[in-house]
Protein backbone atom coordinates (compact mmCIF):
# COMPACT_ATOMS: atom_id res chain seq x y z
CA MET A 1 0.95 -47.25 33.99
CA ILE A 2 -1.29 -44.96 36.46
CA LEU A 3 0.82 -42.02 35.65
CA GLY A 4 1.29 -42.51 31.87
CA TRP A 5 -2.53 -42.52 31.42
CA ILE A 6 -2.86 -39.23 33.75
CA GLY A 7 -0.56 -37.80 31.49
CA ILE A 8 -2.60 -38.72 28.57
CA ILE A 9 -5.56 -37.58 29.83
CA VAL A 10 -3.83 -33.69 30.73
CA LEU A 11 -2.71 -33.58 27.45
CA VAL A 12 -6.01 -34.08 25.96
CA VAL A 13 -7.73 -31.85 28.01
CA VAL A 14 -5.33 -29.02 28.38
CA ILE A 15 -2.81 -29.25 25.88
CA VAL A 16 -4.89 -29.79 22.78
CA PRO A 17 -7.43 -27.06 23.30
CA VAL A 18 -4.87 -24.44 23.99
CA VAL A 19 -3.16 -25.97 20.62
CA VAL A 20 -6.62 -25.95 18.67
CA PHE A 21 -7.06 -22.16 20.52
CA LEU A 22 -3.44 -20.55 19.09
CA LEU A 23 -4.17 -21.86 15.91
CA PHE A 24 -7.00 -20.32 15.56
CA TRP A 25 -5.93 -17.09 16.77
CA VAL A 26 -3.29 -17.90 13.95
CA LEU A 27 -5.26 -18.75 11.46
CA GLN A 28 -7.25 -15.10 11.78
CA ALA A 29 -4.23 -13.35 11.89
CA ALA A 30 -3.05 -14.70 8.09
CA LEU A 31 -6.52 -14.01 7.05
CA ALA A 32 -5.99 -10.49 8.10
CA VAL A 33 -3.11 -10.29 6.50
CA ARG A 34 -4.51 -11.55 3.34
CA ARG A 35 -7.07 -8.95 3.49
CA ALA A 36 -4.90 -6.17 3.70
CA THR A 37 -2.74 -7.48 1.20
CA ASP A 38 -5.68 -7.61 -0.93
CA ASP A 39 -6.70 -4.17 -0.34
CA LEU A 40 -2.83 -3.00 -1.12
CA VAL A 41 -3.01 -4.95 -4.88
CA GLU A 42 -6.39 -2.92 -5.43
CA VAL A 43 -5.01 0.60 -4.29
CA GLY A 44 -1.47 -0.25 -6.17
CA THR A 45 -3.35 -1.26 -9.56
CA SER A 46 -5.46 1.92 -9.24
CA MET A 47 -1.94 3.93 -8.48
CA VAL A 48 -0.68 2.84 -11.24
CA ALA A 49 -3.49 3.98 -13.71
CA ASP A 50 -3.37 7.67 -11.49
CA LEU A 51 0.08 7.57 -12.67
CA GLN A 52 0.36 7.03 -16.51
CA PRO A 53 -0.09 10.53 -17.37
CA VAL A 54 3.27 11.06 -15.78
CA PRO A 55 5.34 11.18 -18.68
CA GLU A 56 3.68 14.26 -20.14
CA LEU A 57 4.29 16.56 -17.52
CA LEU A 58 7.97 17.13 -19.66
CA LYS A 59 5.77 17.99 -22.16
CA THR A 60 3.92 20.57 -19.43
CA ASP A 61 7.76 21.32 -18.17
CA THR A 62 8.45 22.69 -21.63
CA MET A 63 5.45 24.80 -22.62
CA VAL A 64 5.41 26.56 -19.19
CA GLY A 65 9.32 27.29 -19.98
CA GLN A 66 8.25 28.86 -23.46
CA THR A 67 5.20 30.51 -21.70
CA THR A 68 7.44 32.15 -19.07
CA ALA A 69 10.02 33.47 -22.14
CA GLY A 70 7.10 34.89 -23.96
CA LEU A 71 6.67 36.78 -21.13
CA ALA A 72 9.26 38.05 -20.01
CA ARG A 73 9.53 39.02 -23.79
CA TYR A 74 6.36 40.62 -23.29
CA GLY A 75 6.66 42.18 -19.95
CA ALA A 76 10.59 43.63 -21.55
CA ALA A 77 7.82 44.99 -24.92
CA LEU A 78 5.67 46.71 -22.25
CA ASP A 79 8.82 48.35 -20.71
CA GLU A 80 9.95 50.04 -24.18
CA ILE A 81 6.31 51.32 -24.85
CA LEU A 82 6.02 53.13 -21.85
């Protein structure tokens, strides 16, 4: 019976505080992950807004092609003149 009480005292004095300490650090790590994911959501949301004009790049590419062709014709005309 005495050994049972000693076991319970050891459990309460040693094991329970260690478990509470470990749970505290796990909770701190979980909260840090939560803050990091909140930051990722914020950055991701702002990135989506930044990427909205990307389809317009296709128009820009077409216009650059047209400008290049026009410059080539202009250069050919200058070669003929000079």
